[in-house]
Every structure is written in structure tokens, then in C-alpha cells.
Amino acid sequence: MRYSTLFGKTNKTAPHDAESVNARLLVQAGFVNQLMAGVYTYLPLGLRVLNKIQNIIRKEMNGLGASEIYMPALHPKDLYDTTGRWDQIDVLFKLTGSGEKEYALGSTHEEVVTPLVQQYVRSYKDLPLAVFQIQDKFRNEARAKSGLLRGREFSMKDLYSFHLTEEDFQQFYEKSKQSYLNVFQTCGLDAMIVEASGGVFSKFSHEFQVATEHGEDLVYHCKCGFAQNREIAEVKAGDTCPSCGKGTIKETKTIEVGNIFPLKTKFTGAFDFKVQGPDNALVDILMGCYGIGPSRVMGTIVEIHNDERGMLWPKAVAPFDVHLVTIGSKDDSVNEQIESSAESLIEELKQQGTEVLWDDRETRPGEKFADADLIGIPLRLVISEKTLAEGSFEWKPRQETESRLVKLEDVIEEVKVWCTTPDRLTSQE
């Protein structure tokens, strides 16, 4: 991809109304464009990141044995009348259509997925099952803020599981925890599993929280793994951990990046969703829901992985693997060599599956380097008259301050090794 033809470019100044690090950097670097509060257009760089996060999530959900579907975002009111939630969901966008029929934009999909699955489950032999989707959700937030962390329209992966027994549900619920941790680890986030209120369904549900000083949530936790959010916390900072009896409870600001809930029979009961069990007796169907916001994960990555120069994308979610910068010469014949070397390198890297963003603009080197730092692609390669004279490329990982030269004949293999080497980035950096 040539940067000169890329739709959406960097800005020299940050947006004046950006309230968070992710909003400021993503807009300034040309990843997203704000249409209004809580609503963003994903430009090519941002869409590449979002798609990669979604595919990481999709892989883990497939690994759980869930089937991907895609449900409507426009919902008829009668479904919410059935569950009694039309006036209970305070962030529901409501609208009136032709014939004065009332609808809602989906803020969640329990009302849609439950009767959908009910149509296809004929007996106990069809269970357990799980379905998921990745789709935009709509929530009428009173104050949409913090960039991608709290939007009125946002990307959401929601999975719903259906079970005959509590034991079967618990087994799936525990497997989902590990799948979620896998997602966040791949995305460069060190998430902790936090106990949260289970509401009317159970004593606890579980959130996945990432520690950051910019977080809106508070978690009380111990190094043994015990953690509770502030809404249900039975402990305070400085207390002895009630789980291990040894550690000291700490208070940490966090960002929530996912959650899982036991739903018991709240929705299946509302729709009278039962099946005949092995003994022909009718059995209530148990249900669980499991959410991750890909767009929220994207914003969280930026909140965690940045420095004074811009973003530092983990390799798995970076828009490109390599940011190639060519620096022009006053000599036309040298310029031809530089361009030829760039095209040859890109083609060879493409053959091994490496994605390259090529800054081919005719502008000052300092501007190109500043933009490369702002955009935050993990590896920068530079071709110039000087590097060609030495038969090399300049090699600089984004998180490092020093560059080095790599011989032309070695760069393809070094990039291959680089791309397959795990990140050193962690949530604590």
C-alpha cells in the first residue's frame, strides 16, 4: 500500500476536543474520523486494525465450537414486550416506522437470538449449542466519551450459549474464560478476570479488565488472582485477601474489555423455550451470554501502548507489519534505484505474507519519520541514497530508540523472523 494514495492522512495537530489518549491519537494518525460524539468512521488504517481484532476473536469463538451468524440490528418492539425490557433498557434507541410500528436499534440481542434458536432446536439432542456474531450495536449513552471506549455505535462480538444442564453450562462458561484471555493476550493486553454482580441470575458474573491509570473502573485485587469490581467489592485496599489469606488487596484503575454472564432461564423462560429431555419430560433451557467489544479493545490497546511520539501497535493487530520509508535523492538515477529497491522488497515480502505500508511521498524525511512514529507500525525500514551505498536497509523497531543497518540480502529473512517473534509489549509498559 502506497501512503501517497491512502485515504486518510495524519494531522500535524491533535483534535482540540479529544478527551482521551485513544481519541487523540487515532484521529491524529488518520485511523478514524469522528462524525459526532460516540460515532466514528473507520478509515483504511483503522479498519485494518479493527478487522484483525475481529478475526482474532472469531478464531477463538470458532475454537469454542460456536457457529457464526449475523442478526438484524433493527428489532420489533414485541420481542421486548415478551421479556419486559422495552422500558427497562435505558440506553435503547427507539424509533417509529411505517404504520406507527415501534422498533429499537439493537443494544444487545437476547430478544432476537432466543426465539431464533428456539426455531431450530427440536430435541435435547440439538443441545448444547452456541452462536455468535460480530456486529455494530447502538446505545443511547447520555455522554459518549473516551473515544472508542464509550460509543453510541460500536463493534460488538456477542455469543450466546444454550444448555440442558447447569453442569454443561459451567463447563462451557469456564472454557470461555480461557478463550477470552487468549484473545486479549494476542492483542497485547494483560487482562484480569474480575468478579462482578450477577444481578438476578447468579451471585457473580465476570468482567475482563485491563489495568491503566486512564481507566474508568476500579478493581480490588490480589496477586493470587482474586479480583472484584467496586460495585460488589467485599474488600478494600490494604485488606488481607479473602481468597489466599496472605496477599494484600490493591486498588487499580482499569478498562473493561469483555464480560460473560449466566442468564439462567430469564430469556428462554420468557419465550417458553423448553425441550423434551431423555426421559420425555420438558426441560428448561439454560443460557449464557459472552461479550467483547472489538472497537473498545482497539481503543484500549492505544490507551496502553503509546508514547510521546504516537502509538505502538502489537504485531498481531498492527495495520501493517512493516512501514517502509524511502528518502529521495537529488540524483534522478539514484531515485530510480531507491524506487526499484522498494518495489522489489515489497514484492518479496508480499510473497511471504508480510504486509507493507510504503511512504512514497515527496516530503521531508523528518515528516515521514514523525508520521511513522505516530502511526505506530511495529517495524520501520528506510531506503535512502546512504543506505544503498552501504548495500543495506535501515532497520528500527517502533519501541526502540536506535536503528541499525541490515544487508539487502538478509532483510527478507530477518523480517520473516521478526514477524514470527512474540511481542515484548505488555499491558504494563
Protein backbone atom coordinates (compact mmCIF):
# COMPACT_ATOMS: atom_id res chain seq x y z
CA MET A 1 0.00 0.00 0.00
CA ARG A 2 1.42 3.38 -1.04
CA TYR A 3 0.87 6.02 1.60
CA SER A 4 0.54 8.69 -1.12
CA THR A 5 -2.71 7.06 -2.32
CA LEU A 6 -4.04 6.02 1.10
CA PHE A 7 -7.37 7.61 2.03
CA GLY A 8 -6.94 9.46 5.30
CA LYS A 9 -3.69 11.05 6.39
CA THR A 10 -2.03 12.19 9.61
CA ASN A 11 -2.72 15.61 11.10
CA LYS A 12 0.02 17.85 12.47
CA THR A 13 -2.15 18.84 15.41
CA ALA A 14 -4.32 16.76 17.72
CA PRO A 15 -8.11 17.33 17.76
CA HIS A 16 -8.88 20.05 20.29
CA ASP A 17 -11.86 18.22 21.80
CA ALA A 18 -10.27 14.80 22.28
CA GLU A 19 -10.84 13.71 25.89
CA SER A 20 -8.75 10.56 25.82
CA VAL A 21 -5.44 9.26 24.53
CA ASN A 22 -7.07 6.86 22.08
CA ALA A 23 -9.35 9.53 20.62
CA ARG A 24 -6.47 11.95 20.16
CA LEU A 25 -4.02 9.51 18.60
CA LEU A 26 -6.45 7.57 16.41
CA VAL A 27 -7.86 10.75 14.88
CA GLN A 28 -4.49 12.47 14.53
CA ALA A 29 -2.89 9.41 12.91
CA GLY A 30 -5.72 9.04 10.38
CA PHE A 31 -7.21 5.79 11.73
CA VAL A 32 -10.70 7.12 12.48
CA ASN A 33 -12.80 10.19 11.81
CA GLN A 34 -15.37 11.44 14.30
CA LEU A 35 -18.83 12.03 12.80
CA MET A 36 -20.36 13.07 16.13
CA ALA A 37 -19.96 12.23 19.81
CA GLY A 38 -19.62 8.48 20.17
CA VAL A 39 -19.77 7.73 16.42
CA TYR A 40 -16.72 7.17 14.23
CA THR A 41 -15.86 6.35 10.63
CA TYR A 42 -13.06 3.79 10.39
CA LEU A 43 -10.56 4.95 7.79
CA PRO A 44 -8.39 2.34 5.97
CA LEU A 45 -5.71 2.09 8.68
CA GLY A 46 -8.27 1.87 11.48
CA LEU A 47 -10.42 -0.62 9.61
CA ARG A 48 -7.42 -2.90 9.11
CA VAL A 49 -6.81 -2.91 12.87
CA LEU A 50 -10.48 -3.46 13.68
CA ASN A 51 -10.68 -6.36 11.20
CA LYS A 52 -7.61 -8.01 12.72
CA ILE A 53 -9.05 -7.78 16.23
CA GLN A 54 -12.34 -9.20 15.00
CA ASN A 55 -10.56 -12.11 13.32
CA ILE A 56 -8.58 -12.90 16.49
CA ILE A 57 -11.88 -13.03 18.35
CA ARG A 58 -13.52 -15.05 15.56
CA LYS A 59 -10.77 -17.68 15.73
CA GLU A 60 -11.28 -18.18 19.48
CA MET A 61 -15.07 -18.35 19.16
CA ASN A 62 -14.74 -20.96 16.42
CA GLY A 63 -12.43 -22.84 18.78
CA LEU A 64 -15.25 -22.93 21.34
CA GLY A 65 -17.42 -24.68 18.75
CA ALA A 66 -19.71 -21.67 18.26
CA SER A 67 -21.38 -21.02 14.90
CA GLU A 68 -21.18 -17.51 13.43
CA ILE A 69 -24.42 -15.84 12.39
CA TYR A 70 -25.46 -12.26 11.62
CA MET A 71 -28.70 -10.97 13.16
CA PRO A 72 -30.69 -7.83 12.29
CA ALA A 73 -29.89 -4.59 14.08
CA LEU A 74 -33.50 -3.41 13.74
CA HIS A 75 -35.77 -5.11 16.29
CA PRO A 76 -39.58 -5.09 16.64
CA LYS A 77 -40.96 -3.86 19.95
CA ASP A 78 -43.00 -7.01 20.62
CA LEU A 79 -39.84 -9.03 21.37
CA TYR A 80 -39.03 -6.62 24.21
CA ASP A 81 -42.63 -6.74 25.38
CA THR A 82 -42.22 -10.51 25.73
CA THR A 83 -39.20 -10.12 28.02
CA GLY A 84 -40.46 -6.96 29.74
CA ARG A 85 -37.38 -4.96 28.79
CA TRP A 86 -38.81 -2.29 26.46
CA ASP A 87 -38.80 0.26 29.29
CA GLN A 88 -36.02 -1.35 31.32
CA ILE A 89 -33.10 -0.76 28.94
CA ASP A 90 -32.37 2.92 29.47
CA VAL A 91 -29.92 3.20 26.54
CA LEU A 92 -32.29 1.75 23.92
CA PHE A 93 -32.63 3.76 20.72
CA LYS A 94 -36.35 3.66 19.88
CA LEU A 95 -37.98 4.69 16.63
CA THR A 96 -41.36 4.60 14.93
CA GLY A 97 -41.71 3.19 11.43
CA SER A 98 -44.42 2.91 8.81
CA GLY A 99 -47.86 2.17 10.21
CA GLU A 100 -46.80 3.56 13.60
CA LYS A 101 -44.95 0.33 14.36
CA GLU A 102 -42.30 0.67 17.04
CA TYR A 103 -38.75 -0.61 16.73
CA ALA A 104 -35.41 -0.48 18.52
CA LEU A 105 -31.83 -0.50 17.34
CA GLY A 106 -30.05 -3.44 18.89
CA SER A 107 -28.10 -2.63 22.04
CA THR A 108 -27.91 -6.36 22.72
CA HIS A 109 -29.50 -9.41 21.06
CA GLU A 110 -31.03 -11.72 23.68
CA GLU A 111 -34.54 -10.86 22.44
CA VAL A 112 -33.60 -11.86 18.89
CA VAL A 113 -31.33 -14.85 19.41
CA THR A 114 -33.56 -16.73 21.87
CA PRO A 115 -36.60 -17.19 19.58
CA LEU A 116 -34.23 -17.73 16.66
CA VAL A 117 -32.51 -20.68 18.30
CA GLN A 118 -35.86 -21.94 19.55
CA GLN A 119 -36.97 -22.43 15.94
CA TYR A 120 -34.08 -24.80 15.21
CA VAL A 121 -33.84 -26.82 18.43
CA ARG A 122 -36.19 -29.81 18.12
CA SER A 123 -34.96 -32.05 20.94
CA TYR A 124 -32.36 -32.39 23.66
CA LYS A 125 -30.06 -33.93 21.06
CA ASP A 126 -29.66 -30.50 19.45
CA LEU A 127 -28.06 -29.12 22.62
CA PRO A 128 -25.72 -27.74 23.75
CA LEU A 129 -25.12 -25.12 21.10
CA ALA A 130 -23.61 -21.68 20.84
CA VAL A 131 -23.93 -18.94 18.22
CA PHE A 132 -22.10 -15.63 17.91
CA GLN A 133 -21.98 -12.58 15.74
CA ILE A 134 -19.77 -9.55 15.19
CA GLN A 135 -21.98 -6.56 14.52
CA ASP A 136 -22.46 -2.92 15.38
CA LYS A 137 -24.53 -2.16 18.48
CA PHE A 138 -26.34 1.08 19.32
CA ARG A 139 -26.67 2.57 22.79
CA ASN A 140 -28.08 5.99 23.62
CA GLU A 141 -25.34 6.91 26.07
CA ALA A 142 -26.06 10.12 27.97
CA ARG A 143 -22.47 11.23 27.49
CA ALA A 144 -20.47 9.35 24.90
CA LYS A 145 -16.81 9.97 25.68
CA SER A 146 -13.32 8.46 25.78
CA GLY A 147 -13.06 7.84 22.05
CA LEU A 148 -13.70 4.21 21.17
CA LEU A 149 -14.17 3.24 24.81
CA ARG A 150 -17.74 4.52 25.15
CA GLY A 151 -19.63 4.95 21.90
CA ARG A 152 -23.21 5.26 20.73
CA GLU A 153 -22.41 2.99 17.80
CA PHE A 154 -19.69 0.39 18.29
CA SER A 155 -18.48 -3.02 17.18
CA MET A 156 -19.51 -5.93 19.43
CA LYS A 157 -18.96 -9.65 19.44
CA ASP A 158 -21.82 -11.28 21.30
CA LEU A 159 -22.02 -15.02 21.83
CA TYR A 160 -24.98 -16.91 23.30
CA SER A 161 -24.89 -20.48 24.58
CA PHE A 162 -27.79 -22.85 25.31
CA HIS A 163 -27.61 -25.85 27.66
CA LEU A 164 -29.69 -28.65 29.15
CA THR A 165 -27.86 -28.80 32.48
CA GLU A 166 -26.08 -26.48 34.89
CA GLU A 167 -23.02 -28.72 34.72
CA ASP A 168 -22.83 -28.40 30.95
CA PHE A 169 -23.25 -24.62 31.17
CA GLN A 170 -20.49 -24.29 33.77
CA GLN A 171 -18.07 -26.30 31.63
CA PHE A 172 -18.68 -24.00 28.65
CA TYR A 173 -18.53 -20.90 30.86
CA GLU A 174 -15.09 -21.88 32.18
CA LYS A 175 -13.82 -22.65 28.67
CA SER A 176 -14.98 -19.22 27.55
CA LYS A 177 -12.82 -17.57 30.21
CA GLN A 178 -9.68 -19.05 28.72
CA SER A 179 -10.75 -18.15 25.18
CA TYR A 180 -11.22 -14.56 26.29
CA LEU A 181 -7.81 -14.46 27.95
CA ASN A 182 -6.31 -15.82 24.71
CA VAL A 183 -7.94 -13.00 22.73
CA PHE A 184 -6.61 -10.28 24.99
CA GLN A 185 -3.13 -11.77 25.23
CA THR A 186 -2.89 -11.95 21.43
CA CYS A 187 -3.99 -8.31 21.26
CA GLY A 188 -1.21 -7.29 23.67
CA LEU A 189 -3.45 -6.82 26.70
CA ASP A 190 -2.89 -8.38 30.11
CA ALA A 191 -6.49 -8.83 31.28
CA MET A 192 -7.58 -9.96 34.73
CA ILE A 193 -10.80 -11.86 35.40
CA VAL A 194 -12.89 -9.81 37.82
CA GLU A 195 -15.97 -10.83 39.77
CA ALA A 196 -18.95 -8.57 39.09
CA SER A 197 -22.57 -8.61 40.13
CA GLY A 198 -24.60 -11.42 38.64
CA GLY A 199 -27.82 -9.48 39.16
CA VAL A 200 -30.88 -11.69 39.38
CA PHE A 201 -29.12 -14.54 37.58
CA SER A 202 -26.33 -15.62 39.92
CA LYS A 203 -24.02 -14.34 42.64
CA PHE A 204 -21.34 -13.34 40.15
CA SER A 205 -20.79 -12.60 36.51
CA HIS A 206 -17.26 -11.93 35.28
CA GLU A 207 -15.56 -8.97 33.64
CA PHE A 208 -12.21 -8.83 31.89
CA GLN A 209 -10.36 -5.73 33.00
CA VAL A 210 -7.07 -4.19 31.87
CA ALA A 211 -5.10 -2.06 34.32
CA THR A 212 -4.35 1.51 33.24
CA GLU A 213 -4.16 4.86 35.03
CA HIS A 214 -6.61 6.17 32.43
CA GLY A 215 -9.29 3.61 33.34
CA GLU A 216 -12.84 4.50 34.39
CA ASP A 217 -13.39 1.39 36.56
CA LEU A 218 -11.89 0.41 39.91
CA VAL A 219 -10.84 -3.14 40.73
CA TYR A 220 -9.76 -4.55 44.10
CA HIS A 221 -7.42 -7.46 43.54
CA CYS A 222 -4.68 -9.71 44.90
CA LYS A 223 -1.69 -11.24 43.14
CA CYS A 224 -3.24 -14.68 43.75
CA GLY A 225 -5.89 -13.89 41.11
CA PHE A 226 -8.75 -12.76 43.35
CA ALA A 227 -10.42 -9.63 41.92
CA GLN A 228 -13.73 -7.80 42.38
CA ASN A 229 -15.05 -4.61 40.85
CA ARG A 230 -16.05 -1.70 43.07
CA GLU A 231 -19.83 -2.23 42.65
CA ILE A 232 -19.74 -5.56 44.59
CA ALA A 233 -16.41 -5.32 46.36
CA GLU A 234 -16.36 -7.05 49.74
CA VAL A 235 -12.85 -5.76 50.38
CA LYS A 236 -10.91 -2.51 50.26
CA ALA A 237 -7.31 -1.56 49.55
CA GLY A 238 -4.99 -2.81 52.27
CA ASP A 239 -7.20 -5.71 53.37
CA THR A 240 -5.86 -9.24 53.58
CA CYS A 241 -7.03 -11.24 50.59
CA PRO A 242 -10.07 -13.38 51.50
CA SER A 243 -9.10 -15.94 48.87
CA CYS A 244 -5.48 -16.80 49.66
CA GLY A 245 -5.33 -15.33 53.17
CA LYS A 246 -1.82 -14.00 52.53
CA GLY A 247 -1.78 -11.27 49.91
CA THR A 248 -2.74 -7.63 50.36
CA ILE A 249 -5.62 -6.16 48.36
CA LYS A 250 -4.68 -3.42 45.90
CA GLU A 251 -6.92 -0.85 44.22
CA THR A 252 -6.32 -0.37 40.48
CA LYS A 253 -7.94 1.71 37.75
CA THR A 254 -9.00 -0.42 34.80
CA ILE A 255 -10.79 -0.54 31.45
CA GLU A 256 -13.37 -3.28 30.91
CA VAL A 257 -12.77 -5.09 27.60
CA GLY A 258 -15.18 -8.02 27.91
CA ASN A 259 -17.76 -9.72 30.11
CA ILE A 260 -19.60 -13.02 30.48
CA PHE A 261 -22.95 -13.62 32.17
CA PRO A 262 -25.02 -16.59 33.30
CA LEU A 263 -28.59 -15.85 32.14
CA LYS A 264 -30.24 -18.94 33.62
CA THR A 265 -33.79 -19.11 32.16
CA LYS A 266 -34.63 -15.39 32.08
CA PHE A 267 -34.95 -15.25 28.30
CA THR A 268 -35.70 -18.86 27.47
CA GLY A 269 -38.45 -18.78 30.07
CA ALA A 270 -39.95 -15.59 28.61
CA PHE A 271 -40.22 -17.28 25.21
CA ASP A 272 -41.34 -20.61 26.71
CA PHE A 273 -38.29 -22.31 25.23
CA LYS A 274 -38.22 -25.88 26.55
CA VAL A 275 -37.36 -29.26 25.05
CA GLN A 276 -38.13 -32.84 25.92
CA GLY A 277 -35.25 -34.47 27.75
CA PRO A 278 -34.06 -38.08 27.50
CA ASP A 279 -36.91 -39.13 29.81
CA ASN A 280 -39.50 -37.20 27.71
CA ALA A 281 -40.00 -34.64 30.49
CA LEU A 282 -39.84 -30.97 29.47
CA VAL A 283 -36.54 -29.35 30.39
CA ASP A 284 -35.88 -25.60 30.87
CA ILE A 285 -33.07 -24.34 28.67
CA LEU A 286 -30.21 -22.54 30.43
CA MET A 287 -28.49 -19.69 28.65
CA GLY A 288 -25.31 -17.62 28.87
CA CYS A 289 -24.04 -14.53 27.04
CA TYR A 290 -20.47 -13.51 26.35
CA GLY A 291 -19.43 -10.09 25.04
CA ILE A 292 -16.27 -8.49 23.69
CA GLY A 293 -16.20 -5.06 22.03
CA PRO A 294 -13.59 -5.15 19.22
CA SER A 295 -13.72 -1.36 18.89
CA ARG A 296 -13.33 -0.99 22.67
CA VAL A 297 -10.38 -3.41 22.56
CA MET A 298 -8.84 -1.24 19.84
CA GLY A 299 -9.20 1.89 21.96
CA THR A 300 -7.78 0.09 24.99
CA ILE A 301 -4.72 -1.06 23.05
CA VAL A 302 -3.99 2.57 22.18
CA GLU A 303 -4.53 3.70 25.79
CA ILE A 304 -1.98 1.11 26.92
CA HIS A 305 0.57 1.07 24.10
CA ASN A 306 1.70 4.60 23.29
CA ASP A 307 4.49 7.05 23.98
CA GLU A 308 5.10 10.75 23.44
CA ARG A 309 5.53 10.18 19.68
CA GLY A 310 2.41 8.13 18.97
CA MET A 311 1.02 4.60 19.05
CA LEU A 312 2.87 1.29 19.40
CA TRP A 313 0.73 -1.43 17.87
CA PRO A 314 1.26 -5.05 18.94
CA LYS A 315 2.24 -7.13 15.91
CA ALA A 316 -0.97 -9.17 15.77
CA VAL A 317 -3.21 -6.12 15.32
CA ALA A 318 -0.96 -3.58 13.58
CA PRO A 319 -2.42 -2.27 10.31
CA PHE A 320 0.76 -3.37 8.51
CA ASP A 321 3.79 -5.41 9.52
CA VAL A 322 6.37 -3.02 8.07
CA HIS A 323 6.45 0.72 7.48
CA LEU A 324 8.81 1.30 4.55
CA VAL A 325 10.17 4.82 4.17
CA THR A 326 12.03 5.92 1.04
CA ILE A 327 14.11 9.09 1.14
CA GLY A 328 14.65 10.75 -2.21
CA SER A 329 17.89 11.98 -3.73
CA LYS A 330 18.75 14.97 -5.91
CA ASP A 331 20.13 12.47 -8.41
CA ASP A 332 17.39 11.05 -10.66
CA SER A 333 19.30 7.83 -11.33
CA VAL A 334 19.64 7.22 -7.57
CA ASN A 335 15.94 7.91 -7.14
CA GLU A 336 15.22 5.22 -9.70
CA GLN A 337 17.38 2.79 -7.72
CA ILE A 338 15.60 3.68 -4.49
CA GLU A 339 12.17 3.13 -6.03
CA SER A 340 13.27 -0.08 -7.73
CA SER A 341 14.68 -1.41 -4.44
CA ALA A 342 11.45 -0.52 -2.63
CA GLU A 343 9.25 -2.24 -5.22
CA SER A 344 11.47 -5.33 -5.22
CA LEU A 345 11.46 -5.52 -1.41
CA ILE A 346 7.68 -5.11 -1.20
CA GLU A 347 7.12 -7.87 -3.76
CA GLU A 348 9.41 -10.30 -1.94
CA LEU A 349 7.82 -9.51 1.40
CA LYS A 350 4.36 -9.88 -0.12
CA GLN A 351 5.25 -13.40 -1.29
CA GLN A 352 5.96 -14.44 2.31
CA GLY A 353 2.77 -12.84 3.59
CA THR A 354 4.26 -9.65 5.04
CA GLU A 355 2.11 -6.51 4.73
CA VAL A 356 3.92 -3.26 3.93
CA LEU A 357 2.87 0.38 4.08
CA TRP A 358 5.21 2.34 1.79
CA ASP A 359 5.65 6.05 2.47
CA ASP A 360 6.45 7.09 -1.09
CA ARG A 361 5.62 10.77 -0.65
CA GLU A 362 7.92 13.53 -1.85
CA THR A 363 8.30 15.22 1.51
CA ARG A 364 10.94 15.83 4.15
CA PRO A 365 12.49 12.80 5.93
CA GLY A 366 11.64 14.28 9.33
CA GLU A 367 7.96 14.45 8.45
CA LYS A 368 7.98 10.85 7.26
CA PHE A 369 9.70 9.63 10.42
CA ALA A 370 7.31 11.59 12.66
CA ASP A 371 4.31 10.13 10.82
CA ALA A 372 5.77 6.62 11.09
CA ASP A 373 6.11 7.04 14.86
CA LEU A 374 2.59 8.44 15.15
CA ILE A 375 1.06 5.59 13.13
CA GLY A 376 2.98 3.07 15.22
CA ILE A 377 3.60 0.13 12.86
CA PRO A 378 5.99 -2.25 14.69
CA LEU A 379 8.95 -2.14 12.25
CA ARG A 380 10.32 0.73 10.15
CA LEU A 381 12.66 0.13 7.20
CA VAL A 382 14.37 3.01 5.41
CA ILE A 383 15.88 3.08 1.93
CA SER A 384 17.98 6.12 1.04
CA GLU A 385 20.98 7.07 -1.04
CA LYS A 386 23.15 6.47 2.02
CA THR A 387 21.78 3.00 2.82
CA LEU A 388 22.02 1.93 -0.84
CA ALA A 389 25.67 2.98 -0.91
CA GLU A 390 26.24 0.62 2.01
CA GLY A 391 24.15 -2.17 0.44
CA SER A 392 21.74 -2.07 3.37
CA PHE A 393 18.37 -1.03 4.77
CA GLU A 394 17.98 0.97 7.97
CA TRP A 395 16.09 -1.18 10.49
CA LYS A 396 14.25 0.30 13.50
CA PRO A 397 11.57 -1.34 15.69
CA ARG A 398 8.98 1.24 16.77
CA GLN A 399 9.54 0.80 20.53
CA GLU A 400 13.33 1.18 20.27
CA THR A 401 15.30 4.41 20.02
CA GLU A 402 18.25 3.19 17.96
CA SER A 403 18.36 1.92 14.38
CA ARG A 404 20.82 -0.43 12.70
CA LEU A 405 21.74 -1.45 9.18
CA VAL A 406 20.70 -4.79 7.69
CA LYS A 407 22.24 -6.06 4.47
CA LEU A 408 20.00 -6.19 1.41
CA GLU A 409 20.45 -9.94 1.09
CA ASP A 410 19.49 -10.53 4.73
CA VAL A 411 16.46 -8.29 5.17
CA ILE A 412 13.78 -10.69 3.88
CA GLU A 413 14.78 -13.44 6.29
CA GLU A 414 15.17 -11.01 9.18
CA VAL A 415 11.70 -9.61 8.58
CA LYS A 416 10.29 -13.14 8.49
CA VAL A 417 11.89 -13.93 11.85
CA TRP A 418 10.78 -10.57 13.24
CA CYS A 419 7.14 -11.14 12.28
CA THR A 420 7.03 -14.56 13.94
CA THR A 421 8.78 -13.48 17.14
CA PRO A 422 6.38 -12.72 20.03
CA ASP A 423 5.91 -9.11 21.07
CA ARG A 424 7.74 -7.74 24.06
CA LEU A 425 4.87 -5.30 24.60
CA THR A 426 2.73 -5.90 27.68
CA SER A 427 -0.10 -4.02 29.31
CA GLN A 428 2.25 -2.73 31.96
CA GLU A 429 4.54 -0.86 29.56
